[in-house]
Amino acid sequence: MIRRLLLPLALLAALPALAQEKFIVVASTTSTEQSGLFGYLLPVFQKKTGIQVRVVALGTGQALDLARRGDADVVFVHARSAEEKFLGEGHGVVSTSCTTTSS
């Protein structure tokens, strides 16, 4: 009898987690957030994946620190040396350049 009750109770306890929306946190620089890029990209991403995106706009160092603590899933920064140090410390998985600047 007790075994029959444990499974339904475990499923009932898990319901709040199942009901939560899927989301990722993007730690970004303030300049990127203010540029309007996320306003363009995120609706497309969210529609395609069903995953909501929460952007936290900070300075580069703060964005990388947020990710170091495990509080961000994606980091969007534009200081290559800081990004390389972050990756070298084993915090990141992949680095992709999404913009270039012509001189």
Protein backbone atom coordinates (compact mmCIF):
# COMPACT_ATOMS: atom_id res chain seq x y z
CA MET A 1 0.00 0.00 0.00
CA ILE A 2 2.78 2.44 0.90
CA ARG A 3 4.54 1.83 -2.43
CA ARG A 4 1.34 2.63 -4.31
CA LEU A 5 1.11 5.96 -2.53
CA LEU A 6 4.73 7.01 -3.01
CA LEU A 7 4.68 7.23 -6.81
CA PRO A 8 1.53 9.41 -6.99
CA LEU A 9 2.89 11.61 -4.19
CA ALA A 10 6.22 11.99 -5.99
CA LEU A 11 4.44 12.94 -9.22
CA LEU A 12 2.25 15.39 -7.36
CA ALA A 13 5.32 16.98 -5.78
CA ALA A 14 6.93 17.36 -9.22
CA LEU A 15 3.95 19.16 -10.78
CA PRO A 16 5.11 22.70 -9.91
CA ALA A 17 8.43 22.05 -11.68
CA LEU A 18 6.66 20.63 -14.71
CA ALA A 19 4.35 23.63 -14.88
CA GLN A 20 7.20 26.15 -14.94
CA GLU A 21 8.01 27.77 -18.23
CA LYS A 22 11.25 26.92 -19.98
CA PHE A 23 13.68 29.81 -20.05
CA ILE A 24 17.34 30.65 -20.40
CA VAL A 25 19.23 33.61 -18.98
CA VAL A 26 21.44 35.67 -21.29
CA ALA A 27 24.05 37.85 -19.60
CA SER A 28 24.74 40.64 -22.04
CA THR A 29 26.50 43.97 -22.17
CA THR A 30 24.26 46.99 -21.79
CA SER A 31 25.26 48.32 -25.20
CA THR A 32 24.12 45.13 -26.93
CA GLU A 33 20.84 45.12 -25.03
CA GLN A 34 20.25 48.81 -25.86
CA SER A 35 21.08 48.31 -29.54
CA GLY A 36 17.74 46.63 -30.24
CA LEU A 37 19.37 43.39 -31.41
CA PHE A 38 17.55 41.27 -28.83
CA GLY A 39 14.25 42.89 -29.75
CA TYR A 40 14.81 41.53 -33.24
CA LEU A 41 16.31 38.11 -32.45
CA LEU A 42 14.47 36.93 -29.36
CA PRO A 43 10.90 36.80 -30.70
CA VAL A 44 12.12 34.59 -33.56
CA PHE A 45 14.07 32.33 -31.19
CA GLN A 46 11.21 32.10 -28.71
CA LYS A 47 8.66 31.29 -31.39
CA LYS A 48 10.90 28.63 -32.93
CA THR A 49 11.95 26.93 -29.66
CA GLY A 50 9.24 27.75 -27.12
CA ILE A 51 12.02 28.83 -24.76
CA GLN A 52 11.71 32.24 -23.12
CA VAL A 53 14.83 34.39 -22.82
CA ARG A 54 15.59 36.63 -19.88
CA VAL A 55 18.28 39.19 -20.67
CA VAL A 56 20.36 40.61 -17.83
CA ALA A 57 22.23 43.68 -19.11
CA LEU A 58 25.51 44.39 -17.30
CA GLY A 59 29.06 45.40 -18.02
CA THR A 60 31.27 42.74 -19.61
CA GLY A 61 33.02 41.81 -16.36
CA GLN A 62 29.74 41.54 -14.47
CA ALA A 63 28.15 39.46 -17.24
CA LEU A 64 31.05 37.03 -17.17
CA ASP A 65 30.96 36.87 -13.36
CA LEU A 66 27.24 36.07 -13.48
CA ALA A 67 28.01 33.17 -15.80
CA ARG A 68 30.95 32.04 -13.64
CA ARG A 69 28.50 31.65 -10.75
CA GLY A 70 26.23 29.56 -12.95
CA ASP A 71 23.50 32.20 -13.07
CA ALA A 72 23.57 32.67 -16.87
CA ASP A 73 23.21 30.16 -19.67
CA VAL A 74 24.55 32.37 -22.48
CA VAL A 75 27.01 35.25 -22.36
CA PHE A 76 26.91 37.97 -25.00
CA VAL A 77 29.96 40.24 -24.59
CA HIS A 78 32.40 42.13 -26.78
CA ALA A 79 35.73 42.02 -24.95
CA ARG A 80 37.65 39.23 -26.65
CA SER A 81 40.46 39.00 -24.07
CA ALA A 82 37.99 38.71 -21.17
CA GLU A 83 36.00 36.11 -23.11
CA GLU A 84 39.14 34.08 -23.84
CA LYS A 85 40.11 34.19 -20.15
CA PHE A 86 36.59 33.04 -19.22
CA LEU A 87 36.85 30.11 -21.64
CA GLY A 88 40.38 29.31 -20.49
CA GLU A 89 39.12 28.99 -16.93
CA GLY A 90 36.77 26.28 -18.15
CA HIS A 91 33.54 28.24 -17.79
CA GLY A 92 32.37 28.32 -21.37
CA VAL A 93 31.71 25.63 -23.90
CA VAL A 94 31.74 27.41 -27.24
CA SER A 95 32.70 30.85 -28.46
CA THR A 96 31.06 32.20 -31.58
CA SER A 97 31.63 35.58 -33.14
CA CYS A 98 28.34 37.01 -34.34
CA THR A 99 29.40 40.49 -35.39
CA THR A 100 32.44 42.11 -36.91
CA THR A 101 33.63 45.64 -37.13
CA SER A 102 35.27 46.98 -40.23
CA SER A 103 38.03 49.52 -39.81
